[in-house]
C-alpha atoms as a PDB file:
ATOM      1  CA  MET A   1      94.127 170.979  86.877  1.00  0.00           C
ATOM      2  CA  SER A   2      91.271 171.254  84.401  1.00  0.00           C
ATOM      3  CA  GLU A   3      89.065 168.298  83.502  1.00  0.00           C
ATOM      4  CA  SER A   4      90.637 168.167  80.033  1.00  0.00           C
ATOM      5  CA  GLY A   5      94.132 168.201  81.558  1.00  0.00           C
ATOM      6  CA  ARG A   6      93.504 165.255  83.850  1.00  0.00           C
ATOM      7  CA  LYS A   7      94.397 161.764  82.773  1.00  0.00           C
ATOM      8  CA  ASN A   8      91.222 159.700  82.646  1.00  0.00           C
ATOM      9  CA  ARG A   9      91.893 156.554  84.680  1.00  0.00           C
ATOM     10  CA  ARG A  10      88.508 154.999  83.982  1.00  0.00           C
ATOM     11  CA  ASP A  11      88.120 151.872  81.911  1.00  0.00           C
ATOM     12  CA  ASN A  12      84.639 152.901  80.747  1.00  0.00           C
ATOM     13  CA  ALA A  13      83.158 156.321  80.038  1.00  0.00           C
ATOM     14  CA  ARG A  14      80.641 157.453  82.620  1.00  0.00           C
ATOM     15  CA  ILE A  15      77.268 158.808  81.610  1.00  0.00           C
ATOM     16  CA  ARG A  16      75.667 161.599  83.613  1.00  0.00           C
ATOM     17  CA  MET A  17      72.501 160.023  84.915  1.00  0.00           C
ATOM     18  CA  SER A  18      70.498 159.621  88.062  1.00  0.00           C
ATOM     19  CA  VAL A  19      69.878 155.941  88.843  1.00  0.00           C
ATOM     20  CA  PRO A  20      68.294 154.951  92.158  1.00  0.00           C
ATOM     21  CA  PHE A  21      70.464 152.791  94.388  1.00  0.00           C
ATOM     22  CA  GLU A  22      70.378 151.120  97.754  1.00  0.00           C
ATOM     23  CA  LEU A  23      73.637 150.299  99.505  1.00  0.00           C
ATOM     24  CA  GLN A  24      74.891 148.570 102.581  1.00  0.00           C
ATOM     25  CA  THR A  25      78.265 148.511 104.255  1.00  0.00           C
ATOM     26  CA  GLU A  26      79.586 146.074 106.819  1.00  0.00           C
ATOM     27  CA  ALA A  27      79.159 148.828 109.409  1.00  0.00           C
ATOM     28  CA  SER A  28      75.578 149.833 108.512  1.00  0.00           C
ATOM     29  CA  SER A  29      72.580 148.089 109.995  1.00  0.00           C
ATOM     30  CA  SER A  30      70.063 149.584 107.589  1.00  0.00           C
ATOM     31  CA  PRO A  31      70.289 150.339 103.855  1.00  0.00           C
ATOM     32  CA  ILE A  32      71.120 153.790 102.540  1.00  0.00           C
ATOM     33  CA  ARG A  33      69.185 154.999  99.509  1.00  0.00           C
ATOM     34  CA  GLY A  34      70.137 157.614  96.964  1.00  0.00           C
ATOM     35  CA  ALA A  35      70.832 158.161  93.288  1.00  0.00           C
ATOM     36  CA  THR A  36      73.946 158.155  91.161  1.00  0.00           C
ATOM     37  CA  ALA A  37      75.325 161.340  89.604  1.00  0.00           C
ATOM     38  CA  ASP A  38      76.970 159.299  86.847  1.00  0.00           C
ATOM     39  CA  LEU A  39      77.264 155.648  85.931  1.00  0.00           C
ATOM     40  CA  SER A  40      79.414 153.321  83.836  1.00  0.00           C
ATOM     41  CA  LEU A  41      79.970 149.615  83.471  1.00  0.00           C
ATOM     42  CA  SER A  42      82.843 149.819  85.953  1.00  0.00           C
ATOM     43  CA  GLY A  43      81.721 152.404  88.497  1.00  0.00           C
ATOM     44  CA  CYS A  44      79.629 155.378  89.505  1.00  0.00           C
ATOM     45  CA  TYR A  45      79.590 158.554  91.540  1.00  0.00           C
ATOM     46  CA  ILE A  46      77.179 158.857  94.445  1.00  0.00           C
ATOM     47  CA  GLU A  47      76.427 162.224  96.005  1.00  0.00           C
ATOM     48  CA  SER A  48      76.304 162.417  99.789  1.00  0.00           C
ATOM     49  CA  ILE A  49      77.010 165.061 102.407  1.00  0.00           C
ATOM     50  CA  TYR A  50      78.381 162.211 104.532  1.00  0.00           C
ATOM     51  CA  PRO A  51      80.644 160.294 102.143  1.00  0.00           C
ATOM     52  CA  PHE A  52      82.365 157.035 103.011  1.00  0.00           C
ATOM     53  CA  PRO A  53      86.138 156.759 103.517  1.00  0.00           C
ATOM     54  CA  VAL A  54      88.263 155.458 100.638  1.00  0.00           C
ATOM     55  CA  GLY A  55      88.487 151.675 100.804  1.00  0.00           C
ATOM     56  CA  THR A  56      84.969 151.143 102.180  1.00  0.00           C
ATOM     57  CA  ASN A  57      83.362 148.050 100.659  1.00  0.00           C
ATOM     58  CA  LEU A  58      79.771 148.480  99.513  1.00  0.00           C
ATOM     59  CA  ASP A  59      76.997 146.150  98.449  1.00  0.00           C
ATOM     60  CA  LEU A  60      74.983 148.102  95.862  1.00  0.00           C
ATOM     61  CA  GLN A  61      71.615 147.463  94.309  1.00  0.00           C
ATOM     62  CA  LEU A  62      71.142 149.591  91.196  1.00  0.00           C
ATOM     63  CA  SER A  63      67.616 150.039  89.824  1.00  0.00           C
ATOM     64  CA  VAL A  64      67.997 150.023  86.039  1.00  0.00           C
ATOM     65  CA  GLY A  65      64.588 148.641  85.126  1.00  0.00           C
ATOM     66  CA  SER A  66      65.510 145.530  87.046  1.00  0.00           C
ATOM     67  CA  THR A  67      67.787 145.277  90.060  1.00  0.00           C
ATOM     68  CA  VAL A  68      71.513 144.847  89.429  1.00  0.00           C
ATOM     69  CA  LEU A  69      73.603 143.639  92.380  1.00  0.00           C
ATOM     70  CA  VAL A  70      77.169 144.925  92.614  1.00  0.00           C
ATOM     71  CA  ALA A  71      80.048 144.554  95.060  1.00  0.00           C
ATOM     72  CA  ALA A  72      81.964 147.834  95.023  1.00  0.00           C
ATOM     73  CA  THR A  73      84.738 149.796  96.713  1.00  0.00           C
ATOM     74  CA  VAL A  74      84.968 153.525  97.441  1.00  0.00           C
ATOM     75  CA  VAL A  75      87.937 154.953  95.501  1.00  0.00           C
ATOM     76  CA  THR A  76      87.480 158.702  96.034  1.00  0.00           C
ATOM     77  CA  CYS A  77      86.039 160.734  98.880  1.00  0.00           C
ATOM     78  CA  ASP A  78      84.987 164.344  98.381  1.00  0.00           C
ATOM     79  CA  PRO A  79      83.924 165.751 101.790  1.00  0.00           C
ATOM     80  CA  GLN A  80      80.301 166.958 101.802  1.00  0.00           C
ATOM     81  CA  VAL A  81      80.007 166.040  98.103  1.00  0.00           C
ATOM     82  CA  GLY A  82      80.191 162.267  97.602  1.00  0.00           C
ATOM     83  CA  ASN A  83      82.150 159.210  96.557  1.00  0.00           C
ATOM     84  CA  GLY A  84      83.629 157.711  93.441  1.00  0.00           C
ATOM     85  CA  VAL A  85      82.869 153.998  93.490  1.00  0.00           C
ATOM     86  CA  ARG A  86      84.564 151.199  91.521  1.00  0.00           C
ATOM     87  CA  PHE A  87      82.600 148.046  90.822  1.00  0.00           C
ATOM     88  CA  SER A  88      84.623 145.030  91.882  1.00  0.00           C
ATOM     89  CA  ARG A  89      82.245 142.139  91.263  1.00  0.00           C
ATOM     90  CA  MET A  90      78.869 141.366  89.691  1.00  0.00           C
ATOM     91  CA  LEU A  91      77.194 138.385  88.109  1.00  0.00           C
ATOM     92  CA  THR A  92      77.519 138.024  84.333  1.00  0.00           C
ATOM     93  CA  GLU A  93      73.774 138.496  83.835  1.00  0.00           C
ATOM     94  CA  ASP A  94      73.797 141.667  85.979  1.00  0.00           C
ATOM     95  CA  ARG A  95      76.739 143.003  83.960  1.00  0.00           C
ATOM     96  CA  GLU A  96      74.850 142.334  80.701  1.00  0.00           C
ATOM     97  CA  THR A  97      71.714 144.044  82.101  1.00  0.00           C
ATOM     98  CA  LEU A  98      73.755 147.105  83.115  1.00  0.00           C
ATOM     99  CA  LYS A  99      75.562 147.172  79.755  1.00  0.00           C
ATOM    100  CA  ALA A 100      72.253 147.122  77.827  1.00  0.00           C
ATOM    101  CA  PHE A 101      70.819 149.830  80.091  1.00  0.00           C
ATOM    102  CA  LEU A 102      73.862 152.079  79.577  1.00  0.00           C
ATOM    103  CA  GLN A 103      73.828 151.583  75.797  1.00  0.00           C
ATOM    104  CA  ALA A 104      70.129 152.514  75.638  1.00  0.00           C
ATOM    105  CA  ALA A 105      70.686 155.551  77.886  1.00  0.00           C
ATOM    106  CA  GLN A 106      73.623 156.753  75.766  1.00  0.00           C
ATOM    107  CA  GLU A 107      71.626 156.359  72.554  1.00  0.00           C
ATOM    108  CA  ALA A 108      68.722 158.314  74.086  1.00  0.00           C
ATOM    109  CA  GLN A 109      71.059 161.106  75.211  1.00  0.00           C
ATOM    110  CA  ASP A 110      72.731 161.192  71.787  1.00  0.00           C
ATOM    111  CA  ALA A 111      69.337 161.396  70.041  1.00  0.00           C
ATOM    112  CA  ALA A 112      68.283 164.245  72.330  1.00  0.00           C
ATOM    113  CA  GLY A 113      71.546 166.078  71.646  1.00  0.00           C
ATOM    114  CA  LYS A 114      72.482 166.104  75.310  1.00  0.00           C
ATOM    115  CA  PRO A 115      76.102 165.663  76.365  1.00  0.00           C
ATOM    116  CA  GLY A 116      76.141 162.618  78.586  1.00  0.00           C
ATOM    117  CA  VAL A 117      79.579 161.029  78.474  1.00  0.00           C
ATOM    118  CA  ILE A 118      82.105 162.352  80.963  1.00  0.00           C
END
């Protein structure tokens, strides 16, 4: 099914952007670092050749100028590609920081004429 034919189940539009992250799972002893492929107020996509199984709980630290702490759950697993991640919990101040960051990023992409919302 084409992207336009799929029902969008997301609460918030995702913006294509690379944001550094560090994550931990209950099973990992050391943090895993990477970057998002897209980001929204309610989730993100992380690229990885070794994705996590659906249902894996993650503790994420997103670097959006300051560090935003997020509890998240893997909701999609694309083998050798990555994971769709839904944010399940974050502090109010972290949510406001992420919201301001996303608004500024969207405005910058709009001003540059780049398609960013997916």
